[in-house]
Protein backbone atom coordinates (compact mmCIF):
# COMPACT_ATOMS: atom_id res chain seq x y z
CA MET A 1 108.47 20.89 64.97
CA ILE A 2 105.23 20.61 62.58
CA THR A 3 104.29 23.40 61.23
CA VAL A 4 100.71 24.83 59.84
CA THR A 5 102.19 24.42 56.29
CA MET A 6 103.31 20.76 56.48
CA LEU A 7 100.22 19.97 57.98
CA ILE A 8 97.89 21.65 54.89
CA GLY A 9 100.23 20.04 52.86
CA PHE A 10 100.21 16.64 54.49
CA VAL A 11 96.40 17.27 54.03
CA ALA A 12 96.52 17.75 50.58
CA GLY A 13 98.29 15.04 49.56
CA ILE A 14 95.86 12.99 51.29
CA VAL A 15 93.22 14.61 49.62
CA LEU A 16 94.91 14.42 46.35
CA THR A 17 95.85 10.74 46.49
CA ALA A 18 92.14 10.18 47.28
CA LEU A 19 91.13 12.00 44.30
CA LEU A 20 93.53 10.06 42.44
CA THR A 21 92.26 6.80 43.61
CA LEU A 22 88.47 7.45 42.85
CA LEU A 23 89.68 8.93 39.15
CA PHE A 24 91.67 5.73 38.12
CA GLY A 25 90.38 3.76 40.58
CA VAL A 26 86.68 3.20 39.35
CA TYR A 27 86.05 1.39 35.88
CA SER A 28 83.30 -0.29 33.97
CA ILE A 29 82.76 -3.47 32.02
CA GLY A 30 81.44 -2.88 28.24
CA PRO A 31 78.56 -5.44 27.25
CA THR A 32 80.66 -7.23 25.20
CA GLU A 33 83.62 -7.64 27.56
CA ARG A 34 84.73 -9.48 30.68
CA GLY A 35 87.34 -8.05 33.12
CA VAL A 36 90.17 -9.97 35.16
CA LEU A 37 91.76 -8.27 38.28
CA THR A 38 95.17 -8.88 39.48
CA THR A 39 97.00 -7.93 42.71
CA PHE A 40 100.62 -7.34 43.02
CA GLY A 41 100.39 -9.16 39.82
CA ARG A 42 98.59 -12.32 41.28
CA VAL A 43 95.28 -12.71 39.42
CA GLN A 44 92.25 -13.09 41.73
CA ARG A 45 91.29 -16.74 42.35
CA VAL A 46 88.57 -18.80 43.07
CA ALA A 47 88.11 -22.71 44.16
CA GLY A 48 88.89 -25.06 41.86
CA THR A 49 90.96 -25.88 38.60
CA THR A 50 89.96 -26.41 34.95
CA SER A 51 90.96 -29.91 35.13
CA THR A 52 88.05 -30.45 37.50
CA ASP A 53 85.63 -28.22 34.86
CA PRO A 54 83.32 -31.29 33.16
CA GLN A 55 82.91 -28.91 30.39
CA LEU A 56 86.67 -28.07 29.57
CA SER A 57 88.09 -31.63 30.87
CA SER A 58 85.79 -33.66 28.47
CA LEU A 59 88.12 -32.54 25.88
CA LEU A 60 91.52 -33.41 27.05
CA THR A 61 93.32 -36.90 27.24
CA ASP A 62 94.45 -38.55 30.68
CA GLU A 63 97.92 -36.94 30.21
CA GLU A 64 96.60 -33.52 28.59
CA LYS A 65 94.60 -32.79 31.92
CA THR A 66 97.57 -32.49 33.58
CA ARG A 67 99.45 -30.21 31.49
CA TYR A 68 96.69 -27.83 30.76
CA SER A 69 95.45 -27.68 34.86
CA TYR A 70 94.80 -23.71 35.12
CA PRO A 71 93.50 -22.22 38.26
CA ASN A 72 89.67 -20.35 38.38
CA ILE A 73 89.84 -17.23 38.49
CA ARG A 74 87.28 -14.35 39.16
CA VAL A 75 85.53 -12.94 35.83
CA ILE A 76 84.22 -9.61 36.64
CA PRO A 77 81.06 -9.44 34.33
CA GLN A 78 79.39 -6.53 32.00
CA GLY A 79 78.77 -3.53 33.75
CA GLY A 80 79.67 -1.25 36.61
CA PRO A 81 81.18 0.77 38.22
CA TYR A 82 83.37 -1.28 39.85
CA PHE A 83 86.49 0.23 42.26
CA LYS A 84 90.06 -1.07 42.09
CA TRP A 85 93.13 -0.24 44.34
CA PRO A 86 96.16 1.33 42.74
CA TRP A 87 98.11 -1.80 43.11
CA GLN A 88 95.64 -3.83 41.21
CA ARG A 89 95.56 -4.50 37.55
CA LEU A 90 92.51 -4.61 35.44
CA TYR A 91 92.60 -6.75 31.90
CA LYS A 92 89.98 -6.48 29.78
CA VAL A 93 88.91 -9.19 27.14
CA ASP A 94 87.14 -8.53 24.10
CA MET A 95 84.39 -11.45 23.99
CA THR A 96 83.41 -10.84 20.74
CA ILE A 97 83.63 -13.29 17.59
CA GLN A 98 87.07 -12.55 15.65
CA ALA A 99 87.99 -14.13 12.45
CA ILE A 100 91.81 -14.81 11.17
CA ASP A 101 93.22 -15.77 8.16
CA ILE A 102 95.36 -19.11 8.57
CA THR A 103 98.44 -17.74 6.60
CA TRP A 104 98.73 -15.20 9.54
CA ASP A 105 102.25 -15.38 11.89
CA PRO A 106 103.18 -12.44 13.76
CA ASP A 107 106.87 -13.55 12.42
CA ILE A 108 106.55 -13.90 8.78
CA ARG A 109 104.61 -12.84 5.99
CA GLN A 110 102.96 -15.48 3.67
CA ASP A 111 100.13 -16.07 1.02
CA THR A 112 99.28 -19.42 1.72
CA ILE A 113 100.11 -22.54 3.63
CA GLU A 114 101.75 -25.71 1.98
CA ALA A 115 100.66 -29.00 2.96
CA VAL A 116 101.81 -32.49 1.31
CA THR A 117 98.70 -34.89 0.44
CA LYS A 118 98.75 -38.81 0.69
CA ASP A 119 99.98 -39.16 -3.06
CA ASN A 120 102.82 -36.73 -2.07
CA LEU A 121 101.51 -33.75 -3.94
CA THR A 122 102.61 -30.38 -2.09
CA VAL A 123 99.30 -27.88 -2.39
CA GLN A 124 98.77 -24.40 -1.20
CA ILE A 125 95.52 -23.57 1.43
CA SER A 126 93.93 -21.08 2.49
CA GLY A 127 90.90 -19.68 4.72
CA GLN A 128 90.17 -18.31 7.76
CA ILE A 129 89.33 -19.50 11.25
CA ARG A 130 86.86 -17.43 13.55
CA TRP A 131 87.42 -17.60 17.17
CA LYS A 132 86.45 -15.73 20.49
CA PRO A 133 88.11 -16.23 24.22
CA CYS A 134 86.52 -18.63 26.27
CA GLU A 135 85.11 -17.23 29.55
CA ARG A 136 85.84 -20.44 31.48
CA ASN A 137 89.09 -20.60 30.95
CA LEU A 138 90.33 -16.76 30.64
CA TYR A 139 93.69 -17.60 32.87
CA ALA A 140 95.03 -19.87 29.77
CA TYR A 141 93.95 -16.87 27.48
CA LEU A 142 95.50 -14.28 29.89
CA PHE A 143 98.54 -15.47 31.42
CA GLY A 144 99.17 -19.31 30.01
CA VAL A 145 100.65 -18.10 26.51
CA ALA A 146 102.38 -15.75 25.76
CA HIS A 147 100.26 -14.90 22.17
CA PRO A 148 97.06 -17.41 22.21
CA ALA A 149 95.76 -16.25 18.72
CA ALA A 150 99.30 -17.27 17.09
CA HIS A 151 99.41 -20.60 19.38
CA VAL A 152 95.67 -21.34 17.77
CA VAL A 153 96.67 -21.08 14.32
CA GLY A 154 99.87 -22.77 14.71
CA TYR A 155 98.01 -25.81 16.45
CA PHE A 156 95.14 -25.34 13.92
CA ILE A 157 97.85 -25.58 10.85
CA SER A 158 99.31 -28.94 12.43
CA VAL A 159 95.95 -30.36 12.64
CA LEU A 160 95.10 -29.64 9.05
CA ARG A 161 98.50 -30.62 7.93
CA ASP A 162 97.97 -34.03 9.36
CA ARG A 163 94.47 -34.12 8.09
CA ILE A 164 95.28 -33.57 4.61
CA ALA A 165 98.36 -35.71 4.77
CA THR A 166 95.57 -38.75 5.20
CA PHE A 167 92.59 -37.70 4.14
CA HIS A 168 90.64 -40.19 1.80
CA GLY A 169 87.16 -38.93 0.39
CA GLU A 170 84.08 -40.81 -0.57
CA THR A 171 84.08 -42.71 -3.86
CA HIS A 172 81.98 -40.46 -6.24
CA ASP A 173 81.44 -41.42 -9.90
CA GLY A 174 83.85 -39.48 -12.26
CA ALA A 175 86.57 -39.18 -9.63
CA VAL A 176 90.22 -39.58 -10.63
CA GLU A 177 90.91 -42.28 -8.50
CA GLY A 178 94.84 -41.75 -6.79
CA VAL A 179 94.39 -38.24 -7.24
CA SER A 180 94.09 -36.84 -3.73
CA ILE A 181 93.84 -33.38 -4.83
CA ASN A 182 90.26 -33.57 -6.57
CA ASP A 183 89.19 -35.17 -3.22
CA LEU A 184 90.32 -32.23 -1.40
CA ARG A 185 88.26 -30.01 -3.42
CA ARG A 186 85.31 -32.13 -3.43
CA ASN A 187 85.41 -32.73 0.39
CA LEU A 188 85.73 -28.84 1.97
CA SER A 189 82.91 -28.81 3.80
CA LEU A 190 83.82 -32.28 5.66
CA ILE A 191 87.20 -31.12 6.19
CA ASN A 192 85.93 -27.83 7.66
CA SER A 193 83.70 -29.68 9.93
CA PHE A 194 86.55 -32.68 11.36
CA MET A 195 88.63 -29.22 11.68
CA GLU A 196 86.04 -27.92 14.22
CA GLU A 197 85.55 -30.68 15.98
CA ALA A 198 89.17 -31.59 16.46
CA CYS A 199 90.29 -27.98 17.50
CA ARG A 200 87.27 -27.76 20.25
CA LYS A 201 90.20 -28.53 22.57
CA THR A 202 91.55 -24.97 21.99
CA ALA A 203 89.45 -23.85 24.69
CA ALA A 204 91.12 -26.03 27.78
CA ARG A 205 94.50 -25.94 25.92
CA TYR A 206 94.69 -22.28 25.08
CA GLY A 207 91.53 -20.45 26.46
CA ILE A 208 90.25 -19.96 22.85
CA ASP A 209 86.72 -21.56 21.69
CA LEU A 210 87.15 -22.04 17.80
CA ASP A 211 83.49 -20.88 16.15
CA ALA A 212 84.31 -21.94 12.49
CA ALA A 213 86.97 -23.18 10.19
CA LEU A 214 86.73 -21.95 7.00
CA ILE A 215 89.11 -23.70 4.28
CA THR A 216 88.53 -21.55 1.16
CA ASN A 217 90.90 -22.89 -1.51
CA ILE A 218 93.20 -26.30 -1.99
CA ASP A 219 95.55 -25.61 -4.77
CA PRO A 220 98.21 -27.44 -6.39
CA PRO A 221 101.53 -25.88 -7.81
CA ALA A 222 101.05 -24.53 -11.37
CA ASP A 223 103.10 -26.62 -13.28
CA VAL A 224 100.87 -29.80 -11.57
CA ASP A 225 97.58 -27.67 -12.17
CA GLU A 226 97.20 -28.06 -16.18
CA ALA A 227 98.02 -31.76 -15.70
CA LEU A 228 95.35 -32.55 -13.51
CA ALA A 229 93.40 -30.69 -15.51
CA SER A 230 93.65 -32.67 -18.85
CA ILE A 231 93.29 -35.76 -16.11
CA ASN A 232 90.17 -34.57 -15.34
CA THR A 233 88.45 -33.45 -18.27
CA THR A 234 89.51 -37.28 -20.02
CA GLN A 235 88.15 -38.84 -16.48
CA ASN A 236 85.11 -36.55 -17.47
CA GLN A 237 84.41 -37.74 -20.75
CA VAL A 238 84.74 -41.11 -19.98
CA ALA A 239 82.15 -41.16 -16.97
CA ALA A 240 80.11 -39.37 -19.43
CA SER A 241 79.94 -42.00 -21.55
CA ILE A 242 79.64 -44.51 -18.93
CA SER A 243 76.95 -42.58 -17.86
CA GLN A 244 75.11 -42.43 -21.00
CA ALA A 245 75.60 -46.52 -21.74
CA LYS A 246 74.00 -46.98 -18.52
CA ALA A 247 71.00 -44.74 -19.12
CA ASP A 248 70.31 -46.50 -22.76
CA ALA A 249 70.88 -49.79 -20.70
CA ASP A 250 68.25 -49.02 -18.05
CA GLN A 251 66.10 -47.70 -20.62
CA LYS A 252 66.04 -50.87 -22.69
CA LEU A 253 65.69 -52.68 -19.59
CA LYS A 254 62.65 -50.77 -18.61
CA MET A 255 61.09 -51.04 -21.84
CA ALA A 256 61.69 -55.04 -21.29
CA GLU A 257 59.68 -55.01 -18.05
CA GLN A 258 56.67 -52.90 -19.24
CA ALA A 259 56.84 -55.61 -22.46
CA VAL A 260 56.75 -58.65 -20.16
CA GLN A 261 54.13 -56.91 -17.93
CA ILE A 262 52.08 -56.04 -20.62
CA ALA A 263 52.14 -59.77 -22.06
CA GLU A 264 51.34 -60.82 -18.27
CA ASN A 265 48.03 -58.27 -18.42
CA ARG A 266 46.96 -59.79 -21.71
CA ALA A 267 47.24 -63.57 -19.95
CA GLU A 268 45.39 -62.56 -17.11
CA ALA A 269 43.19 -61.21 -18.96
CA GLU A 270 42.24 -64.02 -21.07
CA ALA A 271 41.99 -66.24 -18.71
CA ALA A 272 40.31 -64.30 -16.33
CA PRO A 273 36.87 -65.91 -18.17
CA ILE A 274 38.05 -69.41 -17.99
CA LEU A 275 39.39 -69.73 -14.37
CA GLU A 276 35.72 -67.91 -13.33
CA LEU A 277 34.08 -70.64 -15.77
CA GLY A 278 35.80 -72.97 -13.91
CA ARG A 279 34.69 -71.86 -10.35
CA THR A 280 31.05 -71.50 -11.63
CA LEU A 281 31.25 -75.20 -12.30
CA LYS A 282 32.85 -76.30 -9.22
CA ALA A 283 29.95 -74.54 -7.24
CA MET A 284 27.18 -75.95 -9.42
CA HIS A 285 28.75 -79.47 -9.29
CA ALA A 286 28.80 -78.68 -5.31
CA THR A 287 25.31 -77.49 -5.31
CA GLY A 288 23.31 -79.72 -7.69
CA GLY A 289 25.87 -82.96 -8.59
CA ARG A 290 26.43 -83.75 -12.30
CA ALA A 291 22.74 -83.47 -13.19
CA ALA A 292 23.64 -79.71 -12.68
CA LEU A 293 26.19 -80.09 -14.50
CA ASP A 294 24.40 -82.37 -17.66
CA SER A 295 21.58 -79.42 -17.18
CA TYR A 296 24.17 -76.20 -17.68
CA LEU A 297 26.02 -78.10 -20.65
CA ARG A 298 22.64 -78.53 -22.47
CA ASN A 299 21.28 -74.95 -22.31
CA ALA A 300 24.83 -73.39 -22.90
CA THR A 301 24.85 -76.05 -26.34
CA LEU A 302 21.42 -74.57 -27.24
CA PRO A 303 22.18 -71.64 -28.96
CA LEU A 304 25.05 -73.56 -30.78
CA ARG A 305 22.47 -75.85 -32.40
CA GLU A 306 20.12 -73.35 -33.24
CA LYS A 307 22.89 -71.28 -35.41
CA ALA A 308 23.77 -75.26 -36.69
CA ALA A 309 20.15 -75.81 -37.52
CA GLN A 310 19.65 -72.18 -39.23
CA THR A 311 23.11 -73.04 -41.23
CA LEU A 312 21.67 -76.72 -42.02
CA LEU A 313 18.26 -75.05 -43.75
CA LYS A 314 20.10 -72.30 -45.45
CA LEU A 315 22.10 -74.65 -47.19
């Protein structure tokens, strides 16, 4: 038989459950966050997979598309209030850009990353990567791998080591041929650009967008660094001597070119009156014939005849 006390307790339980549901079931999403809900452990999904997303599938090979095909899930945008049931779990994802050192590892402590160059020199590398979760592939970020940041750092390091081992820099004056550490140090920006492009597929594989790669130092072992410094100093001196010799040769060549140009200008200046006289005589002959030329010659020689007559009279 149901007593009044039992009825009151039942109603009170319903009211308390409703209050707790309202209290813990209402939530909001911050301006730099995105939300994902799971119901009894299953994430809320929408039609399609990431392998059919043009923006993500273009980053993968055909073989990778079958390995990294994740479901598209419902992403809750910023705002609220929203409501969830007690059997639902909310995942809030911080979408801001985060920086992480490439030496970071959840299992070990290390100050640098080692890599081997094309001439078998072991170098120590340090730097950072900047990344953020990929909103189009939050399933991979939350449920695809146990620790997305660790996966991205590991993937970045593997690509970086391969690049260091096969890197060939552009040829520059003063470069030490055969010493790859010099090429690597001169081309840090080129290496960073390559790494940013090569690691774009992490968005499709791990749900992480790589924003920037910032390799800051590539250093050889201490016992090799001094020898490299001596080699570089000697090479720089040779390069300076070669540059000075080339500058002197270029200056002498320029002076010779200027001297030739001056001589050509003088010859043209001396030849110009003669050429002009020739054109005038040709025009006179074409207009008046032989008689015109004889008349011109007679008139042109009058000053000479007068000068000659004056000279004879003085004598």
